[in-house]
Amino acid sequence: MLPASAVLAQPTSPAEGVRAVPSVLQLIGNTPLIEIHRVRDGVAPGVRLLGKLEGFNPGGSVKDRPALKMIEDGLRRGLLVPGKTILDSTSGNTGIALAMVGAALGYPVELVMPGNVSTERKKVVEAFGARVVYSDPLEGSDGAIRLCRTILAASPERYFKPDQYFNPANPQAHYESTGPEIWQQTGGRVTHFVAGLGTGGTIMGTGRYLKERNPAVQIVAAEPDDAFHGIEGLKHMASSIVPGIYHEQELDLKIGVSTDDAYNMVYSLGREEGLLVGQSCGAAYVVALRIARTLAEGTVVVLFADFGDRYLSTNLWLGWQRLGEAAAPAGGGRR
């Protein structure tokens, strides 16, 4: 089992021409920005649209950042010690990240996930060795939160619960990494930051950092426009258990997005930009476009939380199939 100090270990110095990092955890962060060139109808030439590609994290999503920070915080405070199991509720990406971090540090992980999360997410979590308990799919992420609390209450001595919805280390991870990266990558030119609402950690932490550097930067949230939506990873705040780390007054704007619009944007980004992103990313980019179309100039950065390959078993894929069938030549497809 790695000691707590290993979490922050630096890459080893060159030895006989070899450079290597001591752990997969050192690969988290420093994700690239990409400029969107084609999916920008109605946007003035003076406006740049940039996507922050969090799928390049080793666990495949933005959630690697808070997962590492919360575990690091638990180790430093003595809340996570040998013999304890990491326990939390998740809609998928945080679970994958916690499972990866737990595997890297030698701690068992137990997760509560809604039964309707994508098959890919379920398999990836299990591949990292985590034990999974599935909650009622009709209750969404809130049902997973409630069941996780029940499991913890029955055996509190067994578990360390990072509690991603209420742990200040979640937004702090983005304050310390995502925000500074965006500021540096844009040379301080970012004028708008757009991200989806899940736990709220990404937009809270990143937004605070960017506002400190330039109070004029606009922080804009994307959320589903209906309680009964199909955008995995995002919360409709008015109908959900509101995370303790989410403070709506810190946002400049919050915009609702329909499931159909989010899905259609995913298809456009894939076919026109070569970017295969997840459904929450589609929602975030819908909002980014709406904002960009109101500007004469500016730099709009939208956070793409993950890639789309972990949703190929969901309803999102049905749309890809329909597009493919519509594009197939009449009389029999490929020859």
Protein backbone atom coordinates (compact mmCIF):
# COMPACT_ATOMS: atom_id res chain seq x y z
CA MET A 1 0.00 0.00 0.00
CA LEU A 2 1.42 3.38 -0.99
CA PRO A 3 1.91 5.95 1.79
CA ALA A 4 0.03 9.24 1.73
CA SER A 5 3.16 11.00 0.54
CA ALA A 6 3.09 8.97 -2.67
CA VAL A 7 -0.01 10.80 -3.83
CA LEU A 8 1.98 13.96 -4.40
CA ALA A 9 5.19 12.29 -5.48
CA GLN A 10 6.98 14.02 -8.33
CA PRO A 11 8.20 12.32 -11.50
CA THR A 12 11.48 10.53 -11.06
CA SER A 13 14.64 12.14 -12.34
CA PRO A 14 16.20 10.80 -15.54
CA ALA A 15 18.18 7.59 -15.07
CA GLU A 16 19.97 6.07 -18.03
CA GLY A 17 17.81 8.08 -20.42
CA VAL A 18 14.48 6.95 -18.92
CA ARG A 19 11.84 9.31 -17.55
CA ALA A 20 8.83 7.87 -15.77
CA VAL A 21 6.16 8.92 -13.31
CA PRO A 22 5.85 6.81 -10.15
CA SER A 23 2.08 6.37 -10.40
CA VAL A 24 -0.88 6.85 -12.72
CA LEU A 25 -1.98 9.59 -10.31
CA GLN A 26 0.73 11.91 -11.63
CA LEU A 27 -0.95 11.81 -15.04
CA ILE A 28 -4.06 13.60 -13.78
CA GLY A 29 -4.54 17.13 -15.11
CA ASN A 30 -2.78 19.27 -17.71
CA THR A 31 -5.43 18.37 -20.29
CA PRO A 32 -5.41 20.12 -23.68
CA LEU A 33 -7.56 22.87 -25.11
CA ILE A 34 -8.91 22.47 -28.63
CA GLU A 35 -10.36 25.17 -30.87
CA ILE A 36 -13.79 24.51 -32.38
CA HIS A 37 -13.78 25.58 -36.02
CA ARG A 38 -16.92 24.21 -37.72
CA VAL A 39 -19.68 23.86 -35.13
CA ARG A 40 -20.01 27.60 -34.63
CA ASP A 41 -22.79 28.84 -36.91
CA GLY A 42 -23.85 32.37 -36.03
CA VAL A 43 -20.69 33.15 -34.07
CA ALA A 44 -18.73 36.30 -34.92
CA PRO A 45 -15.17 35.88 -36.25
CA GLY A 46 -13.80 37.69 -33.20
CA VAL A 47 -15.09 35.00 -30.81
CA ARG A 48 -13.00 31.92 -30.05
CA LEU A 49 -14.62 28.70 -28.85
CA LEU A 50 -12.26 26.40 -26.96
CA GLY A 51 -12.95 22.97 -25.49
CA LYS A 52 -11.09 21.66 -22.43
CA LEU A 53 -10.71 17.94 -23.14
CA GLU A 54 -10.94 16.23 -19.76
CA GLY A 55 -11.24 12.80 -21.36
CA PHE A 56 -7.44 12.85 -21.56
CA ASN A 57 -7.21 12.25 -17.81
CA PRO A 58 -6.11 8.65 -17.09
CA GLY A 59 -9.53 7.71 -15.69
CA GLY A 60 -11.19 9.28 -18.70
CA SER A 61 -12.96 12.26 -17.15
CA VAL A 62 -12.75 15.51 -15.22
CA LYS A 63 -13.64 13.58 -12.05
CA ASP A 64 -10.08 12.30 -11.71
CA ARG A 65 -9.16 15.70 -10.30
CA PRO A 66 -11.57 15.84 -7.31
CA ALA A 67 -11.27 12.10 -6.66
CA LEU A 68 -7.52 12.44 -6.14
CA LYS A 69 -7.90 15.60 -4.08
CA MET A 70 -10.54 14.10 -1.78
CA ILE A 71 -8.51 10.94 -1.19
CA GLU A 72 -5.37 12.99 -0.61
CA ASP A 73 -7.29 15.12 1.91
CA GLY A 74 -8.62 12.02 3.69
CA LEU A 75 -5.12 10.57 3.98
CA ARG A 76 -3.64 13.79 5.33
CA ARG A 77 -6.39 14.15 7.94
CA GLY A 78 -6.10 10.52 9.05
CA LEU A 79 -9.67 9.74 7.98
CA LEU A 80 -8.52 7.15 5.45
CA VAL A 81 -6.22 4.59 7.02
CA PRO A 82 -5.26 0.98 6.23
CA GLY A 83 -8.21 -1.32 6.82
CA LYS A 84 -10.83 1.16 5.68
CA THR A 85 -12.78 1.05 2.42
CA ILE A 86 -13.46 4.09 0.25
CA LEU A 87 -17.24 4.46 -0.15
CA ASP A 88 -19.24 6.97 -2.18
CA SER A 89 -22.27 7.40 -4.42
CA THR A 90 -21.73 8.31 -8.05
CA SER A 91 -23.42 8.55 -11.43
CA GLY A 92 -20.34 6.97 -12.96
CA ASN A 93 -17.31 9.14 -13.65
CA THR A 94 -16.43 9.89 -10.03
CA GLY A 95 -16.83 6.20 -9.28
CA ILE A 96 -14.37 5.32 -12.03
CA ALA A 97 -11.94 7.93 -10.71
CA LEU A 98 -12.23 6.73 -7.10
CA ALA A 99 -11.79 3.13 -8.22
CA MET A 100 -8.65 4.08 -10.14
CA VAL A 101 -7.17 6.09 -7.27
CA GLY A 102 -8.04 3.36 -4.77
CA ALA A 103 -6.38 0.73 -6.95
CA ALA A 104 -3.26 2.88 -7.35
CA LEU A 105 -2.97 3.41 -3.58
CA GLY A 106 -4.03 -0.08 -2.49
CA TYR A 107 -7.37 0.79 -0.86
CA PRO A 108 -10.59 -1.15 -1.56
CA VAL A 109 -13.44 0.85 -3.07
CA GLU A 110 -17.20 0.36 -2.77
CA LEU A 111 -19.56 2.43 -4.89
CA VAL A 112 -23.30 3.02 -5.08
CA MET A 113 -24.47 3.76 -8.62
CA PRO A 114 -27.92 4.11 -10.22
CA GLY A 115 -28.77 0.87 -11.99
CA ASN A 116 -29.23 2.64 -15.32
CA VAL A 117 -25.72 4.10 -15.71
CA SER A 118 -24.05 3.03 -18.91
CA THR A 119 -22.73 -0.50 -19.27
CA GLU A 120 -19.30 0.90 -20.09
CA ARG A 121 -19.12 2.76 -16.79
CA LYS A 122 -20.15 -0.34 -14.86
CA LYS A 123 -17.49 -2.45 -16.54
CA VAL A 124 -14.70 0.10 -16.12
CA VAL A 125 -15.43 0.46 -12.38
CA GLU A 126 -15.35 -3.32 -11.96
CA ALA A 127 -12.15 -3.55 -14.01
CA PHE A 128 -10.45 -1.37 -11.38
CA GLY A 129 -11.58 -3.86 -8.72
CA ALA A 130 -14.31 -1.81 -7.07
CA ARG A 131 -17.38 -3.43 -5.53
CA VAL A 132 -20.60 -1.91 -6.86
CA VAL A 133 -24.06 -1.68 -5.28
CA TYR A 134 -26.79 -0.54 -7.67
CA SER A 135 -29.59 1.77 -6.54
CA ASP A 136 -33.05 2.20 -8.07
CA PRO A 137 -32.57 3.59 -11.59
CA LEU A 138 -35.80 5.57 -11.31
CA GLU A 139 -34.34 7.56 -8.41
CA GLY A 140 -31.24 8.67 -10.32
CA SER A 141 -28.22 10.05 -8.50
CA ASP A 142 -30.36 11.09 -5.51
CA GLY A 143 -31.32 7.45 -4.94
CA ALA A 144 -27.65 6.50 -4.96
CA ILE A 145 -26.92 9.23 -2.41
CA ARG A 146 -29.63 7.94 -0.06
CA LEU A 147 -28.58 4.29 -0.33
CA CYS A 148 -24.94 5.21 0.24
CA ARG A 149 -25.90 7.03 3.43
CA THR A 150 -27.75 3.92 4.62
CA ILE A 151 -24.73 1.69 3.99
CA LEU A 152 -22.43 4.09 5.81
CA ALA A 153 -24.77 4.40 8.80
CA ALA A 154 -24.84 0.62 9.22
CA SER A 155 -21.02 0.30 9.51
CA PRO A 156 -19.40 3.73 9.88
CA GLU A 157 -16.16 2.27 11.20
CA ARG A 158 -15.57 0.36 7.95
CA TYR A 159 -15.60 3.25 5.55
CA PHE A 160 -14.06 6.52 4.47
CA LYS A 161 -16.67 8.46 2.49
CA PRO A 162 -15.20 11.24 0.35
CA ASP A 163 -18.77 12.56 -0.06
CA GLN A 164 -18.21 14.31 -3.38
CA TYR A 165 -21.41 16.36 -3.07
CA PHE A 166 -20.41 17.99 0.23
CA ASN A 167 -16.59 17.79 0.36
CA PRO A 168 -14.88 21.18 -0.15
CA ALA A 169 -11.85 19.32 -1.50
CA ASN A 170 -13.94 18.71 -4.65
CA PRO A 171 -14.11 22.35 -5.82
CA GLN A 172 -10.66 22.95 -4.34
CA ALA A 173 -9.22 20.48 -6.84
CA HIS A 174 -10.50 22.65 -9.68
CA TYR A 175 -9.42 25.86 -7.97
CA GLU A 176 -5.88 24.47 -7.80
CA SER A 177 -5.71 22.81 -11.22
CA THR A 178 -8.49 23.32 -13.77
CA GLY A 179 -8.74 27.08 -13.25
CA PRO A 180 -4.99 27.78 -13.41
CA GLU A 181 -4.64 25.57 -16.49
CA ILE A 182 -7.36 27.44 -18.37
CA TRP A 183 -5.90 30.79 -17.37
CA GLN A 184 -2.44 29.79 -18.54
CA GLN A 185 -3.60 28.05 -21.72
CA THR A 186 -5.57 31.12 -22.83
CA GLY A 187 -2.91 33.58 -21.74
CA GLY A 188 -5.47 35.14 -19.43
CA ARG A 189 -7.78 35.90 -22.37
CA VAL A 190 -10.69 33.72 -21.25
CA THR A 191 -13.89 35.78 -21.05
CA HIS A 192 -16.47 33.03 -20.40
CA PHE A 193 -16.26 29.62 -18.75
CA VAL A 194 -19.05 27.09 -19.35
CA ALA A 195 -19.51 23.74 -17.58
CA GLY A 196 -22.30 21.33 -16.76
CA LEU A 197 -23.82 20.97 -13.28
CA GLY A 198 -23.32 17.65 -11.52
CA THR A 199 -21.87 18.02 -8.04
CA GLY A 200 -21.09 21.64 -8.91
CA GLY A 201 -17.44 21.14 -7.99
CA THR A 202 -16.01 21.87 -11.43
CA ILE A 203 -17.80 25.15 -12.02
CA MET A 204 -17.48 26.36 -8.42
CA GLY A 205 -13.73 25.78 -8.09
CA THR A 206 -12.77 26.79 -11.61
CA GLY A 207 -15.05 29.80 -11.48
CA ARG A 208 -13.60 31.05 -8.21
CA TYR A 209 -10.07 30.91 -9.55
CA LEU A 210 -10.93 32.66 -12.81
CA LYS A 211 -12.95 35.34 -11.01
CA GLU A 212 -9.99 36.03 -8.74
CA ARG A 213 -7.76 36.54 -11.75
CA ASN A 214 -10.34 38.64 -13.60
CA PRO A 215 -13.72 39.49 -12.03
CA ALA A 216 -15.13 40.19 -15.51
CA VAL A 217 -14.91 36.51 -16.53
CA GLN A 218 -18.45 35.15 -16.84
CA ILE A 219 -19.19 31.79 -15.20
CA VAL A 220 -22.04 29.99 -16.96
CA ALA A 221 -23.63 26.68 -15.96
CA ALA A 222 -25.45 24.20 -18.17
CA GLU A 223 -28.13 21.99 -16.61
CA PRO A 224 -30.95 19.77 -17.91
CA ASP A 225 -34.12 21.75 -18.53
CA ASP A 226 -36.33 19.07 -17.01
CA ALA A 227 -36.25 16.77 -14.00
CA PHE A 228 -36.85 13.74 -16.23
CA HIS A 229 -33.88 14.10 -18.53
CA GLY A 230 -31.45 11.75 -20.23
CA ILE A 231 -28.17 13.59 -19.71
CA GLU A 232 -26.00 11.30 -17.56
CA GLY A 233 -23.84 13.12 -15.04
CA LEU A 234 -25.89 16.31 -14.82
CA LYS A 235 -28.40 17.43 -12.18
CA HIS A 236 -31.61 19.41 -12.56
CA MET A 237 -31.00 21.40 -9.39
CA ALA A 238 -34.59 22.49 -8.72
CA SER A 239 -35.73 18.87 -8.42
CA SER A 240 -32.60 17.32 -6.85
CA ILE A 241 -30.76 17.05 -3.57
CA VAL A 242 -28.66 20.21 -3.88
CA PRO A 243 -24.96 19.52 -3.21
CA GLY A 244 -23.52 21.36 -0.25
CA ILE A 245 -20.58 22.57 -2.36
CA TYR A 246 -22.89 24.23 -4.90
CA HIS A 247 -23.54 27.96 -4.43
CA GLU A 248 -25.71 29.29 -7.22
CA GLN A 249 -25.04 32.91 -6.31
CA GLU A 250 -21.48 32.46 -7.58
CA LEU A 251 -22.75 31.86 -11.12
CA ASP A 252 -23.32 34.65 -13.61
CA LEU A 253 -25.83 32.59 -15.55
CA LYS A 254 -27.47 29.15 -15.58
CA ILE A 255 -29.09 27.84 -18.76
CA GLY A 256 -31.30 24.78 -19.22
CA VAL A 257 -30.73 22.39 -22.13
CA SER A 258 -33.06 19.73 -23.48
CA THR A 259 -31.87 16.14 -23.80
CA ASP A 260 -32.50 16.21 -27.56
CA ASP A 261 -30.41 19.35 -28.00
CA ALA A 262 -27.58 17.88 -25.95
CA TYR A 263 -27.59 14.64 -27.95
CA ASN A 264 -27.78 16.42 -31.30
CA MET A 265 -24.80 18.56 -30.34
CA VAL A 266 -22.80 15.43 -29.50
CA TYR A 267 -23.52 14.12 -33.00
CA SER A 268 -22.48 17.42 -34.59
CA LEU A 269 -19.22 17.59 -32.68
CA GLY A 270 -18.39 14.03 -33.65
CA ARG A 271 -19.19 14.37 -37.35
CA GLU A 272 -17.95 17.90 -37.95
CA GLU A 273 -15.05 18.30 -35.49
CA GLY A 274 -13.91 14.72 -34.94
CA LEU A 275 -14.66 15.11 -31.22
CA LEU A 276 -16.47 12.15 -29.69
CA VAL A 277 -17.64 13.56 -26.37
CA GLY A 278 -20.23 12.59 -23.77
CA GLN A 279 -23.78 13.80 -23.48
CA SER A 280 -23.07 16.30 -20.69
CA CYS A 281 -20.45 17.81 -23.00
CA GLY A 282 -23.12 18.25 -25.66
CA ALA A 283 -25.25 20.14 -23.16
CA ALA A 284 -22.35 22.36 -22.13
CA TYR A 285 -21.51 23.17 -25.75
CA VAL A 286 -25.13 24.06 -26.53
CA VAL A 287 -24.85 26.70 -23.81
CA ALA A 288 -21.40 27.82 -24.97
CA LEU A 289 -22.77 28.41 -28.48
CA ARG A 290 -25.73 30.38 -27.16
CA ILE A 291 -23.36 32.62 -25.22
CA ALA A 292 -20.89 32.96 -28.09
CA ARG A 293 -23.62 34.09 -30.51
CA THR A 294 -24.31 37.12 -28.30
CA LEU A 295 -20.71 38.34 -28.44
CA ALA A 296 -18.73 40.46 -30.90
CA GLU A 297 -15.44 39.19 -29.47
CA GLY A 298 -14.24 37.01 -26.63
CA THR A 299 -12.82 33.65 -25.64
CA VAL A 300 -15.36 31.09 -24.50
CA VAL A 301 -13.94 27.99 -22.81
CA VAL A 302 -16.28 25.03 -22.42
CA LEU A 303 -15.38 22.03 -20.30
CA PHE A 304 -15.83 18.69 -22.04
CA ALA A 305 -16.03 16.37 -19.03
CA ASP A 306 -15.38 13.07 -20.82
CA PHE A 307 -15.34 11.25 -24.14
CA GLY A 308 -18.35 9.60 -25.74
CA ASP A 309 -17.07 6.04 -25.93
CA ARG A 310 -18.44 5.28 -22.47
CA TYR A 311 -22.01 5.91 -23.69
CA LEU A 312 -22.15 3.58 -26.68
CA SER A 313 -24.65 1.30 -24.92
CA THR A 314 -27.03 4.14 -24.01
CA ASN A 315 -29.83 5.94 -25.85
CA LEU A 316 -27.17 8.34 -27.10
CA TRP A 317 -25.95 5.57 -29.40
CA LEU A 318 -29.42 5.08 -30.88
CA GLY A 319 -29.12 8.56 -32.36
CA TRP A 320 -25.75 7.72 -33.86
CA GLN A 321 -27.32 4.61 -35.40
CA ARG A 322 -30.19 6.58 -36.89
CA LEU A 323 -27.75 9.08 -38.38
CA GLY A 324 -25.75 6.24 -39.88
CA GLU A 325 -28.83 4.62 -41.36
CA ALA A 326 -29.99 7.92 -42.85
CA ALA A 327 -26.58 8.44 -44.46
CA ALA A 328 -26.39 4.91 -45.92
CA PRO A 329 -26.88 4.68 -49.70
CA ALA A 330 -30.27 3.42 -50.86
CA GLY A 331 -30.51 -0.25 -51.69
CA GLY A 332 -28.14 -1.80 -49.26
CA GLY A 333 -25.42 0.26 -47.57
CA ARG A 334 -21.72 -0.28 -48.15
CA ARG A 335 -20.39 -2.52 -50.88
